[in-house]
Amino acid sequence: MPVILWPNLAALSEAAAYAIAAFLRSLDPVSNSVPDPVPRGAPAPSFAMCVVPPGN
């Protein structure tokens, strides 16, 4: 999963932000199943990525 750098988003013009929103709203919704949450400490049934902020 690529990281979205917030400075890039912070520098968007209002027009660019509205253009992105319009594009996303123009897409058809996806239909896929979402797995149930995994309880804390339980093994994940498939690949899972966990991002832990520094100091935690």
PDB file of N, CA and C in Angstrom:
ATOM      1  N   MET A   1       0.844  -1.166   0.000  1.00  0.00           N
ATOM      2  CA  MET A   1       0.000   0.000   0.000  1.00  0.00           C
ATOM      3  C   MET A   1       0.896   1.238   0.000  1.00  0.00           C
ATOM      4  N   PRO A   2       0.791   2.064  -1.025  1.00  0.00           N
ATOM      5  CA  PRO A   2       1.639   3.251  -1.054  1.00  0.00           C
ATOM      6  C   PRO A   2       1.198   4.278  -0.010  1.00  0.00           C
ATOM      7  N   VAL A   3       2.145   4.994   0.486  1.00  0.00           N
ATOM      8  CA  VAL A   3       1.865   6.027   1.476  1.00  0.00           C
ATOM      9  C   VAL A   3       1.502   7.316   0.747  1.00  0.00           C
ATOM     10  N   ILE A   4       0.481   8.006   1.238  1.00  0.00           N
ATOM     11  CA  ILE A   4       0.108   9.309   0.676  1.00  0.00           C
ATOM     12  C   ILE A   4       0.781  10.366   1.540  1.00  0.00           C
ATOM     13  N   LEU A   5       1.635  11.139   0.942  1.00  0.00           N
ATOM     14  CA  LEU A   5       2.359  12.158   1.687  1.00  0.00           C
ATOM     15  C   LEU A   5       1.467  13.371   1.900  1.00  0.00           C
ATOM     16  N   TRP A   6       1.237  13.713   3.158  1.00  0.00           N
ATOM     17  CA  TRP A   6       0.323  14.816   3.463  1.00  0.00           C
ATOM     18  C   TRP A   6       0.783  16.155   2.914  1.00  0.00           C
ATOM     19  N   PRO A   7       2.107  16.432   2.806  1.00  0.00           N
ATOM     20  CA  PRO A   7       2.475  17.731   2.228  1.00  0.00           C
ATOM     21  C   PRO A   7       1.951  17.898   0.800  1.00  0.00           C
ATOM     22  N   ASN A   8       1.892  16.792   0.058  1.00  0.00           N
ATOM     23  CA  ASN A   8       1.361  16.871  -1.311  1.00  0.00           C
ATOM     24  C   ASN A   8      -0.119  17.242  -1.288  1.00  0.00           C
ATOM     25  N   LEU A   9      -0.867  16.657  -0.361  1.00  0.00           N
ATOM     26  CA  LEU A   9      -2.288  16.981  -0.274  1.00  0.00           C
ATOM     27  C   LEU A   9      -2.499  18.386   0.251  1.00  0.00           C
ATOM     28  N   ALA A  10      -1.656  18.817   1.179  1.00  0.00           N
ATOM     29  CA  ALA A  10      -1.788  20.152   1.749  1.00  0.00           C
ATOM     30  C   ALA A  10      -1.547  21.227   0.686  1.00  0.00           C
ATOM     31  N   ALA A  11      -0.783  20.905  -0.346  1.00  0.00           N
ATOM     32  CA  ALA A  11      -0.462  21.888  -1.383  1.00  0.00           C
ATOM     33  C   ALA A  11      -1.480  21.902  -2.523  1.00  0.00           C
ATOM     34  N   LEU A  12      -2.505  21.040  -2.461  1.00  0.00           N
ATOM     35  CA  LEU A  12      -3.511  21.023  -3.523  1.00  0.00           C
ATOM     36  C   LEU A  12      -4.293  22.332  -3.523  1.00  0.00           C
ATOM     37  N   SER A  13      -4.591  22.782  -4.698  1.00  0.00           N
ATOM     38  CA  SER A  13      -5.475  23.954  -4.785  1.00  0.00           C
ATOM     39  C   SER A  13      -6.906  23.479  -4.516  1.00  0.00           C
ATOM     40  N   GLU A  14      -7.766  24.415  -4.186  1.00  0.00           N
ATOM     41  CA  GLU A  14      -9.169  24.058  -3.937  1.00  0.00           C
ATOM     42  C   GLU A  14      -9.789  23.450  -5.192  1.00  0.00           C
ATOM     43  N   ALA A  15      -9.432  23.976  -6.349  1.00  0.00           N
ATOM     44  CA  ALA A  15      -9.969  23.457  -7.612  1.00  0.00           C
ATOM     45  C   ALA A  15      -9.512  22.020  -7.843  1.00  0.00           C
ATOM     46  N   ALA A  16      -8.249  21.729  -7.552  1.00  0.00           N
ATOM     47  CA  ALA A  16      -7.744  20.370  -7.727  1.00  0.00           C
ATOM     48  C   ALA A  16      -8.432  19.401  -6.767  1.00  0.00           C
ATOM     49  N   ALA A  17      -8.658  19.840  -5.535  1.00  0.00           N
ATOM     50  CA  ALA A  17      -9.340  18.986  -4.562  1.00  0.00           C
ATOM     51  C   ALA A  17     -10.763  18.680  -5.024  1.00  0.00           C
ATOM     52  N   TYR A  18     -11.468  19.695  -5.533  1.00  0.00           N
ATOM     53  CA  TYR A  18     -12.819  19.463  -6.041  1.00  0.00           C
ATOM     54  C   TYR A  18     -12.805  18.567  -7.276  1.00  0.00           C
ATOM     55  N   ALA A  19     -11.791  18.696  -8.107  1.00  0.00           N
ATOM     56  CA  ALA A  19     -11.685  17.845  -9.299  1.00  0.00           C
ATOM     57  C   ALA A  19     -11.471  16.384  -8.899  1.00  0.00           C
ATOM     58  N   ILE A  20     -10.638  16.149  -7.906  1.00  0.00           N
ATOM     59  CA  ILE A  20     -10.416  14.779  -7.427  1.00  0.00           C
ATOM     60  C   ILE A  20     -11.704  14.220  -6.839  1.00  0.00           C
ATOM     61  N   ALA A  21     -12.398  15.027  -6.035  1.00  0.00           N
ATOM     62  CA  ALA A  21     -13.662  14.579  -5.443  1.00  0.00           C
ATOM     63  C   ALA A  21     -14.685  14.253  -6.530  1.00  0.00           C
ATOM     64  N   ALA A  22     -14.774  15.081  -7.557  1.00  0.00           N
ATOM     65  CA  ALA A  22     -15.713  14.829  -8.654  1.00  0.00           C
ATOM     66  C   ALA A  22     -15.367  13.541  -9.379  1.00  0.00           C
ATOM     67  N   PHE A  23     -14.080  13.300  -9.603  1.00  0.00           N
ATOM     68  CA  PHE A  23     -13.658  12.061 -10.265  1.00  0.00           C
ATOM     69  C   PHE A  23     -14.039  10.852  -9.424  1.00  0.00           C
ATOM     70  N   LEU A  24     -13.748  10.889  -8.119  1.00  0.00           N
ATOM     71  CA  LEU A  24     -14.061   9.756  -7.254  1.00  0.00           C
ATOM     72  C   LEU A  24     -15.567   9.505  -7.195  1.00  0.00           C
ATOM     73  N   ARG A  25     -16.351  10.558  -7.187  1.00  0.00           N
ATOM     74  CA  ARG A  25     -17.809  10.397  -7.169  1.00  0.00           C
ATOM     75  C   ARG A  25     -18.342   9.863  -8.482  1.00  0.00           C
ATOM     76  N   SER A  26     -17.591  10.018  -9.565  1.00  0.00           N
ATOM     77  CA  SER A  26     -18.046   9.536 -10.869  1.00  0.00           C
ATOM     78  C   SER A  26     -17.825   8.031 -11.041  1.00  0.00           C
ATOM     79  N   LEU A  27     -17.017   7.431 -10.180  1.00  0.00           N
ATOM     80  CA  LEU A  27     -16.727   6.008 -10.297  1.00  0.00           C
ATOM     81  C   LEU A  27     -17.891   5.180  -9.780  1.00  0.00           C
ATOM     82  N   ASP A  28     -18.099   4.026 -10.406  1.00  0.00           N
ATOM     83  CA  ASP A  28     -19.115   3.104  -9.916  1.00  0.00           C
ATOM     84  C   ASP A  28     -18.655   2.497  -8.592  1.00  0.00           C
ATOM     85  N   PRO A  29     -19.596   2.226  -7.681  1.00  0.00           N
ATOM     86  CA  PRO A  29     -19.201   1.603  -6.416  1.00  0.00           C
ATOM     87  C   PRO A  29     -18.681   0.191  -6.658  1.00  0.00           C
ATOM     88  N   VAL A  30     -17.771  -0.231  -5.824  1.00  0.00           N
ATOM     89  CA  VAL A  30     -17.243  -1.586  -5.926  1.00  0.00           C
ATOM     90  C   VAL A  30     -18.091  -2.509  -5.070  1.00  0.00           C
ATOM     91  N   SER A  31     -18.096  -3.754  -5.431  1.00  0.00           N
ATOM     92  CA  SER A  31     -18.828  -4.755  -4.660  1.00  0.00           C
ATOM     93  C   SER A  31     -17.828  -5.816  -4.244  1.00  0.00           C
ATOM     94  N   ASN A  32     -17.478  -5.810  -3.001  1.00  0.00           N
ATOM     95  CA  ASN A  32     -16.551  -6.817  -2.503  1.00  0.00           C
ATOM     96  C   ASN A  32     -16.883  -7.117  -1.047  1.00  0.00           C
ATOM     97  N   SER A  33     -16.449  -8.254  -0.591  1.00  0.00           N
ATOM     98  CA  SER A  33     -16.699  -8.608   0.806  1.00  0.00           C
ATOM     99  C   SER A  33     -15.588  -8.035   1.678  1.00  0.00           C
ATOM    100  N   VAL A  34     -15.967  -7.616   2.851  1.00  0.00           N
ATOM    101  CA  VAL A  34     -15.017  -7.059   3.804  1.00  0.00           C
ATOM    102  C   VAL A  34     -14.915  -8.054   4.960  1.00  0.00           C
ATOM    103  N   PRO A  35     -13.700  -8.497   5.296  1.00  0.00           N
ATOM    104  CA  PRO A  35     -13.572  -9.481   6.372  1.00  0.00           C
ATOM    105  C   PRO A  35     -13.984  -8.902   7.718  1.00  0.00           C
ATOM    106  N   ASP A  36     -14.405  -9.784   8.610  1.00  0.00           N
ATOM    107  CA  ASP A  36     -14.748  -9.364   9.968  1.00  0.00           C
ATOM    108  C   ASP A  36     -13.494  -8.889  10.690  1.00  0.00           C
ATOM    109  N   PRO A  37     -13.665  -8.013  11.689  1.00  0.00           N
ATOM    110  CA  PRO A  37     -12.508  -7.563  12.468  1.00  0.00           C
ATOM    111  C   PRO A  37     -11.840  -8.743  13.184  1.00  0.00           C
ATOM    112  N   VAL A  38     -10.543  -8.649  13.359  1.00  0.00           N
ATOM    113  CA  VAL A  38      -9.783  -9.679  14.077  1.00  0.00           C
ATOM    114  C   VAL A  38      -9.558  -9.163  15.497  1.00  0.00           C
ATOM    115  N   PRO A  39      -9.945  -9.947  16.512  1.00  0.00           N
ATOM    116  CA  PRO A  39      -9.730  -9.491  17.888  1.00  0.00           C
ATOM    117  C   PRO A  39      -8.251  -9.253  18.179  1.00  0.00           C
ATOM    118  N   ARG A  40      -7.981  -8.303  19.068  1.00  0.00           N
ATOM    119  CA  ARG A  40      -6.605  -7.984  19.445  1.00  0.00           C
ATOM    120  C   ARG A  40      -5.908  -9.245  19.949  1.00  0.00           C
ATOM    121  N   GLY A  41      -4.736  -9.506  19.421  1.00  0.00           N
ATOM    122  CA  GLY A  41      -3.936 -10.659  19.833  1.00  0.00           C
ATOM    123  C   GLY A  41      -4.223 -11.928  19.059  1.00  0.00           C
ATOM    124  N   ALA A  42      -5.327 -11.964  18.309  1.00  0.00           N
ATOM    125  CA  ALA A  42      -5.647 -13.152  17.511  1.00  0.00           C
ATOM    126  C   ALA A  42      -4.861 -13.102  16.205  1.00  0.00           C
ATOM    127  N   PRO A  43      -4.497 -14.264  15.664  1.00  0.00           N
ATOM    128  CA  PRO A  43      -3.761 -14.262  14.392  1.00  0.00           C
ATOM    129  C   PRO A  43      -4.667 -13.815  13.247  1.00  0.00           C
ATOM    130  N   ALA A  44      -4.106 -13.057  12.350  1.00  0.00           N
ATOM    131  CA  ALA A  44      -4.850 -12.607  11.172  1.00  0.00           C
ATOM    132  C   ALA A  44      -4.992 -13.761  10.200  1.00  0.00           C
ATOM    133  N   PRO A  45      -6.170 -13.915   9.575  1.00  0.00           N
ATOM    134  CA  PRO A  45      -6.379 -15.029   8.645  1.00  0.00           C
ATOM    135  C   PRO A  45      -5.653 -14.850   7.314  1.00  0.00           C
ATOM    136  N   SER A  46      -5.154 -13.645   7.043  1.00  0.00           N
ATOM    137  CA  SER A  46      -4.404 -13.373   5.821  1.00  0.00           C
ATOM    138  C   SER A  46      -3.418 -12.256   6.125  1.00  0.00           C
ATOM    139  N   PHE A  47      -2.719 -11.787   5.095  1.00  0.00           N
ATOM    140  CA  PHE A  47      -1.741 -10.725   5.292  1.00  0.00           C
ATOM    141  C   PHE A  47      -2.395  -9.508   5.916  1.00  0.00           C
ATOM    142  N   ALA A  48      -1.744  -8.939   6.900  1.00  0.00           N
ATOM    143  CA  ALA A  48      -2.218  -7.706   7.521  1.00  0.00           C
ATOM    144  C   ALA A  48      -1.022  -6.819   7.803  1.00  0.00           C
ATOM    145  N   MET A  49      -1.190  -5.531   7.545  1.00  0.00           N
ATOM    146  CA  MET A  49      -0.113  -4.586   7.811  1.00  0.00           C
ATOM    147  C   MET A  49      -0.522  -3.715   8.981  1.00  0.00           C
ATOM    148  N   CYS A  50       0.368  -3.569   9.929  1.00  0.00           N
ATOM    149  CA  CYS A  50       0.096  -2.747  11.106  1.00  0.00           C
ATOM    150  C   CYS A  50       1.143  -1.635  11.170  1.00  0.00           C
ATOM    151  N   VAL A  51       0.672  -0.404  11.199  1.00  0.00           N
ATOM    152  CA  VAL A  51       1.570   0.738  11.288  1.00  0.00           C
ATOM    153  C   VAL A  51       1.495   1.267  12.718  1.00  0.00           C
ATOM    154  N   VAL A  52       2.608   1.229  13.410  1.00  0.00           N
ATOM    155  CA  VAL A  52       2.655   1.678  14.797  1.00  0.00           C
ATOM    156  C   VAL A  52       3.403   3.007  14.838  1.00  0.00           C
ATOM    157  N   PRO A  53       2.742   4.056  15.340  1.00  0.00           N
ATOM    158  CA  PRO A  53       3.415   5.345  15.400  1.00  0.00           C
ATOM    159  C   PRO A  53       4.594   5.312  16.377  1.00  0.00           C
ATOM    160  N   PRO A  54       5.606   6.112  16.140  1.00  0.00           N
ATOM    161  CA  PRO A  54       6.742   6.146  17.051  1.00  0.00           C
ATOM    162  C   PRO A  54       6.294   6.476  18.481  1.00  0.00           C
ATOM    163  N   GLY A  55       6.925   5.853  19.424  1.00  0.00           N
ATOM    164  CA  GLY A  55       6.620   6.099  20.821  1.00  0.00           C
ATOM    165  C   GLY A  55       5.520   5.227  21.390  1.00  0.00           C
ATOM    166  N   ASN A  56       4.938   4.343  20.586  1.00  0.00           N
ATOM    167  CA  ASN A  56       3.876   3.459  21.081  1.00  0.00           C
ATOM    168  C   ASN A  56       4.349   2.045  21.210  1.00  0.00           C
TER     169      ASN A  56
END
